[in-house]
Amino acid sequence: MTREEVINQLQDAKDGYREYLTNEAFDIAIEALEQEPILDKIRTEIKALTSNRGFLSCSVDYIHEEIDAVFDKYRVEKEQEDE
């Protein structure tokens, strides 16, 4: 089953499962699934950074800056999508 199919099923099932889970729980599950592709991209970029031996010998501050830049990149993309 694809991620999109799971999201659609959760959205369709929200009202039928009210006695077991709150709609808020369904909304959180849906949002988490929607964020997975972005998290996969972030993981891939960070893994690429850290696989470079030279990168790991850099200062901790530099490493944090580079990783923060990856997060910022996707944060900006997400904000632009939401507008």
N, C-alpha and C. Protein backbone atom coordinates (compact mmCIF):
# COMPACT_ATOMS: atom_id res chain seq x y z
N MET A 1 0.85 -1.17 0.00
CA MET A 1 0.00 0.00 0.00
C MET A 1 0.90 1.23 0.00
N THR A 2 0.55 2.21 -0.80
CA THR A 2 1.36 3.42 -0.88
C THR A 2 1.04 4.34 0.30
N ARG A 3 1.92 5.29 0.53
CA ARG A 3 1.73 6.27 1.59
C ARG A 3 0.44 7.05 1.35
N GLU A 4 0.19 7.40 0.07
CA GLU A 4 -1.01 8.16 -0.27
C GLU A 4 -2.28 7.36 0.03
N GLU A 5 -2.25 6.06 -0.23
CA GLU A 5 -3.41 5.22 0.06
C GLU A 5 -3.67 5.15 1.57
N VAL A 6 -2.60 5.05 2.35
CA VAL A 6 -2.75 5.03 3.82
C VAL A 6 -3.36 6.34 4.30
N ILE A 7 -2.85 7.46 3.77
CA ILE A 7 -3.38 8.77 4.16
C ILE A 7 -4.86 8.85 3.82
N ASN A 8 -5.22 8.43 2.61
CA ASN A 8 -6.63 8.47 2.20
C ASN A 8 -7.50 7.60 3.09
N GLN A 9 -7.02 6.41 3.43
CA GLN A 9 -7.80 5.53 4.31
C GLN A 9 -7.96 6.13 5.70
N LEU A 10 -6.90 6.75 6.21
CA LEU A 10 -7.02 7.39 7.52
C LEU A 10 -8.02 8.54 7.48
N GLN A 11 -7.97 9.33 6.42
CA GLN A 11 -8.90 10.45 6.32
C GLN A 11 -10.34 9.94 6.22
N ASP A 12 -10.54 8.86 5.46
CA ASP A 12 -11.89 8.30 5.32
C ASP A 12 -12.37 7.66 6.61
N ALA A 13 -11.44 7.09 7.38
CA ALA A 13 -11.82 6.33 8.57
C ALA A 13 -12.02 7.19 9.81
N LYS A 14 -11.62 8.44 9.75
CA LYS A 14 -11.65 9.29 10.95
C LYS A 14 -12.97 9.20 11.71
N ASP A 15 -14.06 9.42 11.03
CA ASP A 15 -15.35 9.47 11.72
C ASP A 15 -15.78 8.10 12.25
N GLY A 16 -15.46 7.03 11.53
CA GLY A 16 -15.87 5.70 11.95
C GLY A 16 -15.14 5.20 13.18
N TYR A 17 -13.99 5.73 13.48
CA TYR A 17 -13.19 5.25 14.62
C TYR A 17 -13.18 6.24 15.78
N ARG A 18 -14.12 7.12 15.82
CA ARG A 18 -14.13 8.16 16.85
C ARG A 18 -14.09 7.56 18.26
N GLU A 19 -14.75 6.41 18.47
CA GLU A 19 -14.77 5.84 19.81
C GLU A 19 -13.41 5.25 20.21
N TYR A 20 -12.56 4.92 19.24
CA TYR A 20 -11.26 4.33 19.56
C TYR A 20 -10.14 5.37 19.59
N LEU A 21 -10.15 6.24 18.64
CA LEU A 21 -9.12 7.27 18.56
C LEU A 21 -9.78 8.62 18.29
N THR A 22 -9.20 9.65 18.79
CA THR A 22 -9.75 10.97 18.54
C THR A 22 -9.38 11.42 17.13
N ASN A 23 -10.14 12.34 16.60
CA ASN A 23 -9.80 12.89 15.30
C ASN A 23 -8.42 13.52 15.33
N GLU A 24 -8.04 14.06 16.48
CA GLU A 24 -6.71 14.66 16.61
C GLU A 24 -5.62 13.61 16.36
N ALA A 25 -5.82 12.40 16.88
CA ALA A 25 -4.85 11.33 16.67
C ALA A 25 -4.74 10.99 15.18
N PHE A 26 -5.87 10.95 14.49
CA PHE A 26 -5.83 10.70 13.05
C PHE A 26 -5.10 11.83 12.34
N ASP A 27 -5.37 13.07 12.72
CA ASP A 27 -4.71 14.22 12.09
C ASP A 27 -3.20 14.16 12.29
N ILE A 28 -2.77 13.76 13.47
CA ILE A 28 -1.33 13.64 13.75
C ILE A 28 -0.72 12.54 12.89
N ALA A 29 -1.41 11.40 12.78
CA ALA A 29 -0.91 10.30 11.96
C ALA A 29 -0.81 10.71 10.49
N ILE A 30 -1.81 11.41 10.01
CA ILE A 30 -1.81 11.87 8.61
C ILE A 30 -0.68 12.85 8.39
N GLU A 31 -0.50 13.79 9.30
CA GLU A 31 0.57 14.78 9.15
C GLU A 31 1.94 14.12 9.17
N ALA A 32 2.12 13.13 10.03
CA ALA A 32 3.39 12.41 10.08
C ALA A 32 3.67 11.71 8.76
N LEU A 33 2.66 11.06 8.21
CA LEU A 33 2.85 10.38 6.93
C LEU A 33 3.15 11.37 5.81
N GLU A 34 2.52 12.52 5.86
CA GLU A 34 2.77 13.53 4.84
C GLU A 34 4.19 14.09 4.93
N GLN A 35 4.76 14.08 6.14
CA GLN A 35 6.11 14.62 6.34
C GLN A 35 7.21 13.62 5.97
N GLU A 36 6.88 12.33 5.87
CA GLU A 36 7.90 11.32 5.62
C GLU A 36 8.76 11.59 4.38
N PRO A 37 8.17 11.99 3.25
CA PRO A 37 9.04 12.24 2.08
C PRO A 37 10.08 13.33 2.35
N ILE A 38 9.69 14.36 3.08
CA ILE A 38 10.63 15.43 3.41
C ILE A 38 11.71 14.90 4.35
N LEU A 39 11.32 14.11 5.33
CA LEU A 39 12.30 13.54 6.26
C LEU A 39 13.26 12.61 5.54
N ASP A 40 12.77 11.86 4.54
CA ASP A 40 13.64 11.00 3.75
C ASP A 40 14.69 11.83 3.01
N LYS A 41 14.28 12.97 2.46
CA LYS A 41 15.23 13.85 1.76
C LYS A 41 16.26 14.41 2.73
N ILE A 42 15.81 14.82 3.91
CA ILE A 42 16.74 15.35 4.92
C ILE A 42 17.74 14.29 5.32
N ARG A 43 17.26 13.08 5.60
CA ARG A 43 18.16 11.97 5.97
C ARG A 43 19.20 11.73 4.89
N THR A 44 18.76 11.73 3.63
CA THR A 44 19.66 11.48 2.52
C THR A 44 20.75 12.54 2.44
N GLU A 45 20.36 13.81 2.58
CA GLU A 45 21.35 14.89 2.50
C GLU A 45 22.33 14.84 3.67
N ILE A 46 21.83 14.56 4.86
CA ILE A 46 22.72 14.49 6.02
C ILE A 46 23.64 13.28 5.91
N LYS A 47 23.12 12.17 5.43
CA LYS A 47 23.95 10.98 5.23
C LYS A 47 25.05 11.26 4.22
N ALA A 48 24.72 12.00 3.16
CA ALA A 48 25.73 12.36 2.16
C ALA A 48 26.82 13.24 2.77
N LEU A 49 26.40 14.19 3.61
CA LEU A 49 27.39 15.05 4.29
C LEU A 49 28.31 14.23 5.18
N THR A 50 27.73 13.37 5.99
CA THR A 50 28.51 12.64 6.99
C THR A 50 29.31 11.48 6.39
N SER A 51 29.00 11.09 5.16
CA SER A 51 29.78 10.01 4.55
C SER A 51 31.13 10.51 4.05
N ASN A 52 31.29 11.83 3.97
CA ASN A 52 32.55 12.44 3.56
C ASN A 52 33.48 12.50 4.78
N ARG A 53 34.58 11.78 4.73
CA ARG A 53 35.49 11.73 5.89
C ARG A 53 36.02 13.11 6.26
N GLY A 54 36.24 13.94 5.27
CA GLY A 54 36.72 15.28 5.53
C GLY A 54 35.72 16.10 6.33
N PHE A 55 34.45 15.88 6.05
CA PHE A 55 33.40 16.61 6.75
C PHE A 55 33.43 16.29 8.24
N LEU A 56 33.60 15.03 8.56
CA LEU A 56 33.58 14.62 9.97
C LEU A 56 34.79 15.14 10.74
N SER A 57 35.85 15.55 10.04
CA SER A 57 37.01 16.09 10.74
C SER A 57 36.90 17.61 10.93
N CYS A 58 35.82 18.20 10.44
CA CYS A 58 35.59 19.64 10.60
C CYS A 58 35.18 19.95 12.04
N SER A 59 35.16 21.22 12.34
CA SER A 59 34.75 21.62 13.69
C SER A 59 33.27 21.29 13.91
N VAL A 60 32.93 21.09 15.16
CA VAL A 60 31.55 20.77 15.51
C VAL A 60 30.62 21.91 15.09
N ASP A 61 31.08 23.14 15.24
CA ASP A 61 30.25 24.28 14.84
C ASP A 61 29.94 24.25 13.35
N TYR A 62 30.96 23.94 12.54
CA TYR A 62 30.76 23.86 11.09
C TYR A 62 29.77 22.75 10.74
N ILE A 63 29.93 21.60 11.37
CA ILE A 63 29.03 20.47 11.11
C ILE A 63 27.59 20.87 11.45
N HIS A 64 27.41 21.51 12.60
CA HIS A 64 26.07 21.96 13.01
C HIS A 64 25.49 22.95 12.01
N GLU A 65 26.32 23.88 11.53
CA GLU A 65 25.87 24.87 10.55
C GLU A 65 25.39 24.20 9.26
N GLU A 66 26.15 23.22 8.80
CA GLU A 66 25.79 22.52 7.56
C GLU A 66 24.50 21.72 7.73
N ILE A 67 24.36 21.05 8.85
CA ILE A 67 23.14 20.27 9.10
C ILE A 67 21.95 21.20 9.29
N ASP A 68 22.15 22.31 10.00
CA ASP A 68 21.08 23.30 10.15
C ASP A 68 20.66 23.86 8.79
N ALA A 69 21.61 24.04 7.89
CA ALA A 69 21.30 24.55 6.55
C ALA A 69 20.40 23.57 5.80
N VAL A 70 20.62 22.28 5.99
CA VAL A 70 19.75 21.28 5.35
C VAL A 70 18.33 21.41 5.90
N PHE A 71 18.19 21.49 7.22
CA PHE A 71 16.87 21.64 7.82
C PHE A 71 16.19 22.92 7.37
N ASP A 72 16.97 24.02 7.33
CA ASP A 72 16.41 25.30 6.91
C ASP A 72 15.89 25.25 5.48
N LYS A 73 16.63 24.57 4.62
CA LYS A 73 16.24 24.43 3.21
C LYS A 73 14.84 23.82 3.10
N TYR A 74 14.61 22.74 3.83
CA TYR A 74 13.32 22.07 3.75
C TYR A 74 12.24 22.81 4.53
N ARG A 75 12.62 23.54 5.57
CA ARG A 75 11.66 24.35 6.31
C ARG A 75 11.11 25.45 5.39
N VAL A 76 11.98 26.08 4.64
CA VAL A 76 11.57 27.13 3.70
C VAL A 76 10.67 26.54 2.61
N GLU A 77 11.05 25.38 2.07
CA GLU A 77 10.22 24.72 1.05
C GLU A 77 8.83 24.42 1.59
N LYS A 78 8.75 23.91 2.80
CA LYS A 78 7.46 23.57 3.41
C LYS A 78 6.63 24.82 3.62
N GLU A 79 7.25 25.89 4.10
CA GLU A 79 6.51 27.14 4.30
C GLU A 79 5.97 27.70 2.99
N GLN A 80 6.75 27.56 1.92
CA GLN A 80 6.31 28.04 0.61
C GLN A 80 5.15 27.19 0.10
N GLU A 81 5.18 25.89 0.36
CA GLU A 81 4.08 25.01 -0.04
C GLU A 81 2.79 25.38 0.70
N ASP A 82 2.93 25.74 1.97
CA ASP A 82 1.76 26.03 2.80
C ASP A 82 1.10 27.37 2.47
N GLU A 83 1.81 28.24 1.75
CA GLU A 83 1.24 29.56 1.43
C GLU A 83 0.21 29.48 0.35
